[in-house]
Amino acid sequence: MSKLLLIRITCPSRRVAEDIADAALEGRLAACANLEGPVTSSYRWKGVIEQSFEFILWLKAPEANWAKIDDMVQRLHPYDVPAIVAMPLTHVSSAYEAWAIENTES
């Protein structure tokens, strides 16, 4: 099993996603960031079903950096409850994993 996570964060704008990506990369918390969108999101907020356009930020990062990434997103994200979820990467090429770990070590 890999030591890497694929972290998915929904953001209200491209700018917010880019700012979080930049902070993760500059802080060496993540090795790579990808941005998709806009996408349409539907969700319940304060008892009302809402729809909005959002951008999806994907970060590839070591599992050991999860808490720091979660803290950083909580500080930078404008939502009261940002959607930040992580999936363990069970199959990763050894060269990519080595590159990712090398680029996230301080």
PDB file of N, CA and C in Angstrom:
ATOM      1  N   MET A   1       0.845  -1.177   0.000  1.00  0.00           N
ATOM      2  CA  MET A   1       0.000   0.000   0.000  1.00  0.00           C
ATOM      3  C   MET A   1       0.892   1.244   0.000  1.00  0.00           C
ATOM      4  N   SER A   2       0.473   2.219  -0.760  1.00  0.00           N
ATOM      5  CA  SER A   2       1.192   3.481  -0.878  1.00  0.00           C
ATOM      6  C   SER A   2       1.041   4.309   0.399  1.00  0.00           C
ATOM      7  N   LYS A   3       1.940   5.236   0.592  1.00  0.00           N
ATOM      8  CA  LYS A   3       1.851   6.189   1.707  1.00  0.00           C
ATOM      9  C   LYS A   3       1.132   7.468   1.275  1.00  0.00           C
ATOM     10  N   LEU A   4       0.613   7.487   0.043  1.00  0.00           N
ATOM     11  CA  LEU A   4       0.012   8.710  -0.495  1.00  0.00           C
ATOM     12  C   LEU A   4      -1.502   8.727  -0.373  1.00  0.00           C
ATOM     13  N   LEU A   5      -2.031   9.950  -0.286  1.00  0.00           N
ATOM     14  CA  LEU A   5      -3.471  10.198  -0.307  1.00  0.00           C
ATOM     15  C   LEU A   5      -3.815  11.018  -1.537  1.00  0.00           C
ATOM     16  N   LEU A   6      -5.021  10.821  -2.033  1.00  0.00           N
ATOM     17  CA  LEU A   6      -5.606  11.694  -3.036  1.00  0.00           C
ATOM     18  C   LEU A   6      -6.678  12.483  -2.289  1.00  0.00           C
ATOM     19  N   ILE A   7      -6.471  13.773  -2.151  1.00  0.00           N
ATOM     20  CA  ILE A   7      -7.338  14.630  -1.340  1.00  0.00           C
ATOM     21  C   ILE A   7      -8.197  15.474  -2.272  1.00  0.00           C
ATOM     22  N   ARG A   8      -9.508  15.483  -2.014  1.00  0.00           N
ATOM     23  CA  ARG A   8     -10.473  16.212  -2.836  1.00  0.00           C
ATOM     24  C   ARG A   8     -11.093  17.321  -2.001  1.00  0.00           C
ATOM     25  N   ILE A   9     -11.025  18.546  -2.524  1.00  0.00           N
ATOM     26  CA  ILE A   9     -11.544  19.723  -1.827  1.00  0.00           C
ATOM     27  C   ILE A   9     -12.426  20.495  -2.800  1.00  0.00           C
ATOM     28  N   THR A  10     -13.676  20.753  -2.429  1.00  0.00           N
ATOM     29  CA  THR A  10     -14.524  21.586  -3.277  1.00  0.00           C
ATOM     30  C   THR A  10     -14.342  23.037  -2.854  1.00  0.00           C
ATOM     31  N   CYS A  11     -14.280  23.917  -3.857  1.00  0.00           N
ATOM     32  CA  CYS A  11     -14.004  25.334  -3.626  1.00  0.00           C
ATOM     33  C   CYS A  11     -15.017  26.196  -4.377  1.00  0.00           C
ATOM     34  N   PRO A  12     -15.378  27.366  -3.829  1.00  0.00           N
ATOM     35  CA  PRO A  12     -16.391  28.202  -4.462  1.00  0.00           C
ATOM     36  C   PRO A  12     -15.906  28.944  -5.702  1.00  0.00           C
ATOM     37  N   SER A  13     -14.589  29.009  -5.909  1.00  0.00           N
ATOM     38  CA  SER A  13     -14.052  29.727  -7.067  1.00  0.00           C
ATOM     39  C   SER A  13     -12.697  29.151  -7.456  1.00  0.00           C
ATOM     40  N   ARG A  14     -12.302  29.440  -8.677  1.00  0.00           N
ATOM     41  CA  ARG A  14     -10.976  29.032  -9.154  1.00  0.00           C
ATOM     42  C   ARG A  14      -9.891  29.672  -8.290  1.00  0.00           C
ATOM     43  N   ARG A  15     -10.097  30.943  -7.925  1.00  0.00           N
ATOM     44  CA  ARG A  15      -9.090  31.666  -7.135  1.00  0.00           C
ATOM     45  C   ARG A  15      -8.858  30.994  -5.784  1.00  0.00           C
ATOM     46  N   VAL A  16      -9.932  30.604  -5.096  1.00  0.00           N
ATOM     47  CA  VAL A  16      -9.789  29.926  -3.804  1.00  0.00           C
ATOM     48  C   VAL A  16      -9.032  28.615  -3.987  1.00  0.00           C
ATOM     49  N   ALA A  17      -9.387  27.841  -4.996  1.00  0.00           N
ATOM     50  CA  ALA A  17      -8.705  26.572  -5.258  1.00  0.00           C
ATOM     51  C   ALA A  17      -7.220  26.798  -5.554  1.00  0.00           C
ATOM     52  N   GLU A  18      -6.921  27.804  -6.361  1.00  0.00           N
ATOM     53  CA  GLU A  18      -5.517  28.094  -6.690  1.00  0.00           C
ATOM     54  C   GLU A  18      -4.742  28.543  -5.453  1.00  0.00           C
ATOM     55  N   ASP A  19      -5.366  29.343  -4.606  1.00  0.00           N
ATOM     56  CA  ASP A  19      -4.687  29.800  -3.384  1.00  0.00           C
ATOM     57  C   ASP A  19      -4.370  28.630  -2.453  1.00  0.00           C
ATOM     58  N   ILE A  20      -5.317  27.710  -2.299  1.00  0.00           N
ATOM     59  CA  ILE A  20      -5.083  26.539  -1.455  1.00  0.00           C
ATOM     60  C   ILE A  20      -4.013  25.643  -2.074  1.00  0.00           C
ATOM     61  N   ALA A  21      -4.076  25.448  -3.385  1.00  0.00           N
ATOM     62  CA  ALA A  21      -3.058  24.636  -4.077  1.00  0.00           C
ATOM     63  C   ALA A  21      -1.672  25.242  -3.886  1.00  0.00           C
ATOM     64  N   ASP A  22      -1.564  26.555  -4.101  1.00  0.00           N
ATOM     65  CA  ASP A  22      -0.268  27.220  -3.938  1.00  0.00           C
ATOM     66  C   ASP A  22       0.272  27.063  -2.522  1.00  0.00           C
ATOM     67  N   ALA A  23      -0.589  27.236  -1.526  1.00  0.00           N
ATOM     68  CA  ALA A  23      -0.154  27.104  -0.128  1.00  0.00           C
ATOM     69  C   ALA A  23       0.311  25.677   0.164  1.00  0.00           C
ATOM     70  N   ALA A  24      -0.406  24.694  -0.362  1.00  0.00           N
ATOM     71  CA  ALA A  24      -0.020  23.291  -0.140  1.00  0.00           C
ATOM     72  C   ALA A  24       1.317  22.973  -0.790  1.00  0.00           C
ATOM     73  N   LEU A  25       1.524  23.490  -1.994  1.00  0.00           N
ATOM     74  CA  LEU A  25       2.784  23.229  -2.700  1.00  0.00           C
ATOM     75  C   LEU A  25       3.948  24.010  -2.076  1.00  0.00           C
ATOM     76  N   GLU A  26       3.719  25.277  -1.779  1.00  0.00           N
ATOM     77  CA  GLU A  26       4.788  26.091  -1.178  1.00  0.00           C
ATOM     78  C   GLU A  26       5.190  25.559   0.192  1.00  0.00           C
ATOM     79  N   GLY A  27       4.210  25.045   0.945  1.00  0.00           N
ATOM     80  CA  GLY A  27       4.502  24.481   2.254  1.00  0.00           C
ATOM     81  C   GLY A  27       5.008  23.050   2.203  1.00  0.00           C
ATOM     82  N   ARG A  28       5.148  22.509   0.995  1.00  0.00           N
ATOM     83  CA  ARG A  28       5.615  21.138   0.779  1.00  0.00           C
ATOM     84  C   ARG A  28       4.710  20.109   1.461  1.00  0.00           C
ATOM     85  N   LEU A  29       3.422  20.460   1.564  1.00  0.00           N
ATOM     86  CA  LEU A  29       2.440  19.537   2.126  1.00  0.00           C
ATOM     87  C   LEU A  29       1.921  18.576   1.068  1.00  0.00           C
ATOM     88  N   ALA A  30       1.864  19.041  -0.168  1.00  0.00           N
ATOM     89  CA  ALA A  30       1.425  18.229  -1.298  1.00  0.00           C
ATOM     90  C   ALA A  30       2.462  18.314  -2.399  1.00  0.00           C
ATOM     91  N   ALA A  31       2.553  17.256  -3.189  1.00  0.00           N
ATOM     92  CA  ALA A  31       3.513  17.223  -4.288  1.00  0.00           C
ATOM     93  C   ALA A  31       2.908  17.744  -5.582  1.00  0.00           C
ATOM     94  N   CYS A  32       1.578  17.666  -5.696  1.00  0.00           N
ATOM     95  CA  CYS A  32       0.918  17.992  -6.954  1.00  0.00           C
ATOM     96  C   CYS A  32      -0.496  18.453  -6.659  1.00  0.00           C
ATOM     97  N   ALA A  33      -0.988  19.356  -7.490  1.00  0.00           N
ATOM     98  CA  ALA A  33      -2.373  19.817  -7.382  1.00  0.00           C
ATOM     99  C   ALA A  33      -2.992  19.829  -8.770  1.00  0.00           C
ATOM    100  N   ASN A  34      -4.242  19.419  -8.858  1.00  0.00           N
ATOM    101  CA  ASN A  34      -5.010  19.473 -10.106  1.00  0.00           C
ATOM    102  C   ASN A  34      -6.316  20.179  -9.809  1.00  0.00           C
ATOM    103  N   LEU A  35      -6.780  20.946 -10.783  1.00  0.00           N
ATOM    104  CA  LEU A  35      -7.999  21.730 -10.611  1.00  0.00           C
ATOM    105  C   LEU A  35      -8.977  21.388 -11.720  1.00  0.00           C
ATOM    106  N   GLU A  36     -10.218  21.093 -11.340  1.00  0.00           N
ATOM    107  CA  GLU A  36     -11.269  20.780 -12.301  1.00  0.00           C
ATOM    108  C   GLU A  36     -12.466  21.684 -12.052  1.00  0.00           C
ATOM    109  N   GLY A  37     -13.184  21.958 -13.108  1.00  0.00           N
ATOM    110  CA  GLY A  37     -14.444  22.669 -12.927  1.00  0.00           C
ATOM    111  C   GLY A  37     -14.585  23.829 -13.897  1.00  0.00           C
ATOM    112  N   PRO A  38     -15.718  24.443 -13.770  1.00  0.00           N
ATOM    113  CA  PRO A  38     -16.682  24.286 -12.684  1.00  0.00           C
ATOM    114  C   PRO A  38     -17.542  23.036 -12.833  1.00  0.00           C
ATOM    115  N   VAL A  39     -18.031  22.564 -11.701  1.00  0.00           N
ATOM    116  CA  VAL A  39     -18.984  21.462 -11.629  1.00  0.00           C
ATOM    117  C   VAL A  39     -20.213  21.964 -10.878  1.00  0.00           C
ATOM    118  N   THR A  40     -21.329  21.302 -11.086  1.00  0.00           N
ATOM    119  CA  THR A  40     -22.535  21.650 -10.347  1.00  0.00           C
ATOM    120  C   THR A  40     -22.609  20.789  -9.101  1.00  0.00           C
ATOM    121  N   SER A  41     -22.787  21.427  -7.955  1.00  0.00           N
ATOM    122  CA  SER A  41     -22.916  20.713  -6.689  1.00  0.00           C
ATOM    123  C   SER A  41     -24.312  20.928  -6.122  1.00  0.00           C
ATOM    124  N   SER A  42     -24.889  19.881  -5.576  1.00  0.00           N
ATOM    125  CA  SER A  42     -26.171  19.958  -4.878  1.00  0.00           C
ATOM    126  C   SER A  42     -25.946  19.446  -3.465  1.00  0.00           C
ATOM    127  N   TYR A  43     -26.479  20.147  -2.474  1.00  0.00           N
ATOM    128  CA  TYR A  43     -26.242  19.787  -1.083  1.00  0.00           C
ATOM    129  C   TYR A  43     -27.292  20.448  -0.190  1.00  0.00           C
ATOM    130  N   ARG A  44     -27.433  19.919   1.011  1.00  0.00           N
ATOM    131  CA  ARG A  44     -28.344  20.501   1.981  1.00  0.00           C
ATOM    132  C   ARG A  44     -27.534  21.407   2.904  1.00  0.00           C
ATOM    133  N   TRP A  45     -27.973  22.641   3.049  1.00  0.00           N
ATOM    134  CA  TRP A  45     -27.301  23.586   3.949  1.00  0.00           C
ATOM    135  C   TRP A  45     -28.361  24.322   4.752  1.00  0.00           C
ATOM    136  N   LYS A  46     -28.294  24.161   6.061  1.00  0.00           N
ATOM    137  CA  LYS A  46     -29.240  24.795   6.984  1.00  0.00           C
ATOM    138  C   LYS A  46     -30.688  24.479   6.605  1.00  0.00           C
ATOM    139  N   GLY A  47     -30.911  23.204   6.270  1.00  0.00           N
ATOM    140  CA  GLY A  47     -32.257  22.734   6.002  1.00  0.00           C
ATOM    141  C   GLY A  47     -32.785  22.990   4.603  1.00  0.00           C
ATOM    142  N   VAL A  48     -31.987  23.602   3.750  1.00  0.00           N
ATOM    143  CA  VAL A  48     -32.424  23.937   2.394  1.00  0.00           C
ATOM    144  C   VAL A  48     -31.512  23.246   1.390  1.00  0.00           C
ATOM    145  N   ILE A  49     -32.093  22.692   0.343  1.00  0.00           N
ATOM    146  CA  ILE A  49     -31.274  22.102  -0.715  1.00  0.00           C
ATOM    147  C   ILE A  49     -30.773  23.222  -1.611  1.00  0.00           C
ATOM    148  N   GLU A  50     -29.468  23.284  -1.759  1.00  0.00           N
ATOM    149  CA  GLU A  50     -28.793  24.329  -2.523  1.00  0.00           C
ATOM    150  C   GLU A  50     -28.138  23.722  -3.753  1.00  0.00           C
ATOM    151  N   GLN A  51     -27.928  24.536  -4.754  1.00  0.00           N
ATOM    152  CA  GLN A  51     -27.112  24.167  -5.916  1.00  0.00           C
ATOM    153  C   GLN A  51     -26.174  25.326  -6.205  1.00  0.00           C
ATOM    154  N   SER A  52     -24.938  24.985  -6.555  1.00  0.00           N
ATOM    155  CA  SER A  52     -23.969  26.022  -6.887  1.00  0.00           C
ATOM    156  C   SER A  52     -22.910  25.437  -7.816  1.00  0.00           C
ATOM    157  N   PHE A  53     -22.173  26.332  -8.429  1.00  0.00           N
ATOM    158  CA  PHE A  53     -21.009  25.925  -9.209  1.00  0.00           C
ATOM    159  C   PHE A  53     -19.809  25.942  -8.282  1.00  0.00           C
ATOM    160  N   GLU A  54     -18.997  24.895  -8.361  1.00  0.00           N
ATOM    161  CA  GLU A  54     -17.793  24.808  -7.550  1.00  0.00           C
ATOM    162  C   GLU A  54     -16.640  24.288  -8.415  1.00  0.00           C
ATOM    163  N   PHE A  55     -15.445  24.427  -7.870  1.00  0.00           N
ATOM    164  CA  PHE A  55     -14.243  23.888  -8.487  1.00  0.00           C
ATOM    165  C   PHE A  55     -13.707  22.794  -7.572  1.00  0.00           C
ATOM    166  N   ILE A  56     -13.160  21.754  -8.174  1.00  0.00           N
ATOM    167  CA  ILE A  56     -12.609  20.645  -7.399  1.00  0.00           C
ATOM    168  C   ILE A  56     -11.091  20.716  -7.454  1.00  0.00           C
ATOM    169  N   LEU A  57     -10.504  20.774  -6.287  1.00  0.00           N
ATOM    170  CA  LEU A  57      -9.057  20.756  -6.144  1.00  0.00           C
ATOM    171  C   LEU A  57      -8.654  19.372  -5.665  1.00  0.00           C
ATOM    172  N   TRP A  58      -7.734  18.760  -6.394  1.00  0.00           N
ATOM    173  CA  TRP A  58      -7.171  17.458  -6.021  1.00  0.00           C
ATOM    174  C   TRP A  58      -5.731  17.671  -5.587  1.00  0.00           C
ATOM    175  N   LEU A  59      -5.364  17.158  -4.430  1.00  0.00           N
ATOM    176  CA  LEU A  59      -3.978  17.199  -3.964  1.00  0.00           C
ATOM    177  C   LEU A  59      -3.472  15.774  -3.806  1.00  0.00           C
ATOM    178  N   LYS A  60      -2.228  15.547  -4.200  1.00  0.00           N
ATOM    179  CA  LYS A  60      -1.572  14.257  -3.952  1.00  0.00           C
ATOM    180  C   LYS A  60      -0.520  14.526  -2.887  1.00  0.00           C
ATOM    181  N   ALA A  61      -0.676  13.845  -1.755  1.00  0.00           N
ATOM    182  CA  ALA A  61       0.165  14.161  -0.604  1.00  0.00           C
ATOM    183  C   ALA A  61       0.404  12.927   0.256  1.00  0.00           C
ATOM    184  N   PRO A  62       1.488  12.943   1.019  1.00  0.00           N
ATOM    185  CA  PRO A  62       1.718  11.834   1.955  1.00  0.00           C
ATOM    186  C   PRO A  62       0.643  11.823   3.043  1.00  0.00           C
ATOM    187  N   GLU A  63       0.257  10.642   3.446  1.00  0.00           N
ATOM    188  CA  GLU A  63      -0.730  10.500   4.516  1.00  0.00           C
ATOM    189  C   GLU A  63      -0.301  11.250   5.777  1.00  0.00           C
ATOM    190  N   ALA A  64       0.996  11.307   6.026  1.00  0.00           N
ATOM    191  CA  ALA A  64       1.518  11.990   7.218  1.00  0.00           C
ATOM    192  C   ALA A  64       1.199  13.490   7.220  1.00  0.00           C
ATOM    193  N   ASN A  65       0.868  14.057   6.065  1.00  0.00           N
ATOM    194  CA  ASN A  65       0.584  15.495   5.979  1.00  0.00           C
ATOM    195  C   ASN A  65      -0.907  15.813   6.088  1.00  0.00           C
ATOM    196  N   TRP A  66      -1.755  14.803   6.269  1.00  0.00           N
ATOM    197  CA  TRP A  66      -3.201  15.018   6.295  1.00  0.00           C
ATOM    198  C   TRP A  66      -3.614  16.094   7.308  1.00  0.00           C
ATOM    199  N   ALA A  67      -3.180  16.001   8.544  1.00  0.00           N
ATOM    200  CA  ALA A  67      -3.621  16.947   9.576  1.00  0.00           C
ATOM    201  C   ALA A  67      -3.200  18.374   9.228  1.00  0.00           C
ATOM    202  N   LYS A  68      -1.986  18.533   8.711  1.00  0.00           N
ATOM    203  CA  LYS A  68      -1.516  19.875   8.338  1.00  0.00           C
ATOM    204  C   LYS A  68      -2.318  20.428   7.162  1.00  0.00           C
ATOM    205  N   ILE A  69      -2.649  19.573   6.200  1.00  0.00           N
ATOM    206  CA  ILE A  69      -3.449  20.021   5.055  1.00  0.00           C
ATOM    207  C   ILE A  69      -4.854  20.385   5.521  1.00  0.00           C
ATOM    208  N   ASP A  70      -5.447  19.564   6.365  1.00  0.00           N
ATOM    209  CA  ASP A  70      -6.776  19.858   6.894  1.00  0.00           C
ATOM    210  C   ASP A  70      -6.767  21.201   7.622  1.00  0.00           C
ATOM    211  N   ASP A  71      -5.786  21.445   8.480  1.00  0.00           N
ATOM    212  CA  ASP A  71      -5.679  22.725   9.200  1.00  0.00           C
ATOM    213  C   ASP A  71      -5.533  23.894   8.230  1.00  0.00           C
ATOM    214  N   MET A  72      -4.691  23.731   7.211  1.00  0.00           N
ATOM    215  CA  MET A  72      -4.466  24.801   6.237  1.00  0.00           C
ATOM    216  C   MET A  72      -5.755  25.123   5.483  1.00  0.00           C
ATOM    217  N   VAL A  73      -6.470  24.086   5.049  1.00  0.00           N
ATOM    218  CA  VAL A  73      -7.722  24.307   4.320  1.00  0.00           C
ATOM    219  C   VAL A  73      -8.729  25.022   5.223  1.00  0.00           C
ATOM    220  N   GLN A  74      -8.831  24.613   6.474  1.00  0.00           N
ATOM    221  CA  GLN A  74      -9.766  25.268   7.398  1.00  0.00           C
ATOM    222  C   GLN A  74      -9.451  26.759   7.537  1.00  0.00           C
ATOM    223  N   ARG A  75      -8.185  27.126   7.502  1.00  0.00           N
ATOM    224  CA  ARG A  75      -7.782  28.542   7.617  1.00  0.00           C
ATOM    225  C   ARG A  75      -8.055  29.333   6.340  1.00  0.00           C
ATOM    226  N   LEU A  76      -7.817  28.723   5.178  1.00  0.00           N
ATOM    227  CA  LEU A  76      -7.872  29.454   3.908  1.00  0.00           C
ATOM    228  C   LEU A  76      -9.229  29.408   3.210  1.00  0.00           C
ATOM    229  N   HIS A  77     -10.035  28.428   3.538  1.00  0.00           N
ATOM    230  CA  HIS A  77     -11.287  28.198   2.816  1.00  0.00           C
ATOM    231  C   HIS A  77     -12.395  29.093   3.375  1.00  0.00           C
ATOM    232  N   PRO A  78     -13.199  29.715   2.506  1.00  0.00           N
ATOM    233  CA  PRO A  78     -14.265  30.601   3.003  1.00  0.00           C
ATOM    234  C   PRO A  78     -15.512  29.889   3.529  1.00  0.00           C
ATOM    235  N   TYR A  79     -15.694  28.598   3.241  1.00  0.00           N
ATOM    236  CA  TYR A  79     -16.883  27.887   3.713  1.00  0.00           C
ATOM    237  C   TYR A  79     -16.783  27.629   5.217  1.00  0.00           C
ATOM    238  N   ASP A  80     -17.929  27.620   5.892  1.00  0.00           N
ATOM    239  CA  ASP A  80     -17.967  27.239   7.304  1.00  0.00           C
ATOM    240  C   ASP A  80     -17.560  25.781   7.478  1.00  0.00           C
ATOM    241  N   VAL A  81     -17.987  24.943   6.536  1.00  0.00           N
ATOM    242  CA  VAL A  81     -17.685  23.508   6.580  1.00  0.00           C
ATOM    243  C   VAL A  81     -17.181  23.080   5.201  1.00  0.00           C
ATOM    244  N   PRO A  82     -15.885  23.289   4.934  1.00  0.00           N
ATOM    245  CA  PRO A  82     -15.380  22.879   3.622  1.00  0.00           C
ATOM    246  C   PRO A  82     -15.384  21.357   3.480  1.00  0.00           C
ATOM    247  N   ALA A  83     -15.693  20.911   2.261  1.00  0.00           N
ATOM    248  CA  ALA A  83     -15.665  19.479   1.967  1.00  0.00           C
ATOM    249  C   ALA A  83     -14.233  19.099   1.618  1.00  0.00           C
ATOM    250  N   ILE A  84     -13.587  18.407   2.526  1.00  0.00           N
ATOM    251  CA  ILE A  84     -12.225  17.926   2.307  1.00  0.00           C
ATOM    252  C   ILE A  84     -12.219  16.449   2.696  1.00  0.00           C
ATOM    253  N   VAL A  85     -11.976  15.617   1.701  1.00  0.00           N
ATOM    254  CA  VAL A  85     -11.967  14.175   1.918  1.00  0.00           C
ATOM    255  C   VAL A  85     -10.706  13.593   1.297  1.00  0.00           C
ATOM    256  N   ALA A  86     -10.289  12.451   1.812  1.00  0.00           N
ATOM    257  CA  ALA A  86      -9.075  11.823   1.293  1.00  0.00           C
ATOM    258  C   ALA A  86      -9.305  10.348   1.041  1.00  0.00           C
ATOM    259  N   MET A  87      -8.660   9.872  -0.006  1.00  0.00           N
ATOM    260  CA  MET A  87      -8.696   8.462  -0.352  1.00  0.00           C
ATOM    261  C   MET A  87      -7.272   7.924  -0.369  1.00  0.00           C
ATOM    262  N   PRO A  88      -7.041   6.796   0.281  1.00  0.00           N
ATOM    263  CA  PRO A  88      -5.701   6.211   0.202  1.00  0.00           C
ATOM    264  C   PRO A  88      -5.445   5.696  -1.203  1.00  0.00           C
ATOM    265  N   LEU A  89      -4.249   5.881  -1.668  1.00  0.00           N
ATOM    266  CA  LEU A  89      -3.867   5.378  -2.988  1.00  0.00           C
ATOM    267  C   LEU A  89      -3.221   4.009  -2.797  1.00  0.00           C
ATOM    268  N   THR A  90      -3.934   2.991  -3.184  1.00  0.00           N
ATOM    269  CA  THR A  90      -3.453   1.627  -2.959  1.00  0.00           C
ATOM    270  C   THR A  90      -2.441   1.176  -4.002  1.00  0.00           C
ATOM    271  N   HIS A  91      -2.519   1.751  -5.202  1.00  0.00           N
ATOM    272  CA  HIS A  91      -1.608   1.364  -6.279  1.00  0.00           C
ATOM    273  C   HIS A  91      -1.030   2.626  -6.908  1.00  0.00           C
ATOM    274  N   VAL A  92       0.271   2.805  -6.748  1.00  0.00           N
ATOM    275  CA  VAL A  92       0.975   3.964  -7.285  1.00  0.00           C
ATOM    276  C   VAL A  92       2.309   3.465  -7.834  1.00  0.00           C
ATOM    277  N   SER A  93       2.694   3.978  -8.980  1.00  0.00           N
ATOM    278  CA  SER A  93       4.001   3.559  -9.506  1.00  0.00           C
ATOM    279  C   SER A  93       5.090   3.978  -8.514  1.00  0.00           C
ATOM    280  N   SER A  94       6.081   3.150  -8.376  1.00  0.00           N
ATOM    281  CA  SER A  94       7.146   3.428  -7.403  1.00  0.00           C
ATOM    282  C   SER A  94       7.883   4.722  -7.730  1.00  0.00           C
ATOM    283  N   ALA A  95       8.066   5.010  -9.016  1.00  0.00           N
ATOM    284  CA  ALA A  95       8.759   6.251  -9.397  1.00  0.00           C
ATOM    285  C   ALA A  95       7.936   7.473  -9.006  1.00  0.00           C
ATOM    286  N   TYR A  96       6.617   7.427  -9.230  1.00  0.00           N
ATOM    287  CA  TYR A  96       5.765   8.566  -8.870  1.00  0.00           C
ATOM    288  C   TYR A  96       5.707   8.751  -7.356  1.00  0.00           C
ATOM    289  N   GLU A  97       5.568   7.654  -6.632  1.00  0.00           N
ATOM    290  CA  GLU A  97       5.525   7.768  -5.169  1.00  0.00           C
ATOM    291  C   GLU A  97       6.828   8.355  -4.634  1.00  0.00           C
ATOM    292  N   ALA A  98       7.961   7.897  -5.158  1.00  0.00           N
ATOM    293  CA  ALA A  98       9.254   8.434  -4.717  1.00  0.00           C
ATOM    294  C   ALA A  98       9.350   9.928  -5.029  1.00  0.00           C
ATOM    295  N   TRP A  99       8.902  10.331  -6.216  1.00  0.00           N
ATOM    296  CA  TRP A  99       8.904  11.751  -6.575  1.00  0.00           C
ATOM    297  C   TRP A  99       8.024  12.562  -5.623  1.00  0.00           C
ATOM    298  N   ALA A 100       6.844  12.055  -5.329  1.00  0.00           N
ATOM    299  CA  ALA A 100       5.917  12.769  -4.449  1.00  0.00           C
ATOM    300  C   ALA A 100       6.492  12.921  -3.037  1.00  0.00           C
ATOM    301  N   ILE A 101       7.060  11.862  -2.516  1.00  0.00           N
ATOM    302  CA  ILE A 101       7.646  11.926  -1.172  1.00  0.00           C
ATOM    303  C   ILE A 101       8.824  12.886  -1.165  1.00  0.00           C
ATOM    304  N   GLU A 102       9.671  12.800  -2.185  1.00  0.00           N
ATOM    305  CA  GLU A 102      10.844  13.688  -2.276  1.00  0.00           C
ATOM    306  C   GLU A 102      10.429  15.165  -2.309  1.00  0.00           C
ATOM    307  N   ASN A 103       9.325  15.457  -2.964  1.00  0.00           N
ATOM    308  CA  ASN A 103       8.888  16.845  -3.129  1.00  0.00           C
ATOM    309  C   ASN A 103       7.979  17.347  -2.019  1.00  0.00           C
ATOM    310  N   THR A 104       7.790  16.550  -0.985  1.00  0.00           N
ATOM    311  CA  THR A 104       7.021  17.007   0.154  1.00  0.00           C
ATOM    312  C   THR A 104       7.834  16.941   1.435  1.00  0.00           C
ATOM    313  N   GLU A 105       9.062  16.527   1.362  1.00  0.00           N
ATOM    314  CA  GLU A 105       9.902  16.516   2.553  1.00  0.00           C
ATOM    315  C   GLU A 105      10.466  17.896   2.780  1.00  0.00           C
ATOM    316  N   SER A 106      10.512  18.301   4.032  1.00  0.00           N
ATOM    317  CA  SER A 106      11.045  19.637   4.358  1.00  0.00           C
ATOM    318  C   SER A 106      12.545  19.609   4.476  1.00  0.00           C
TER     319      SER A 106
END
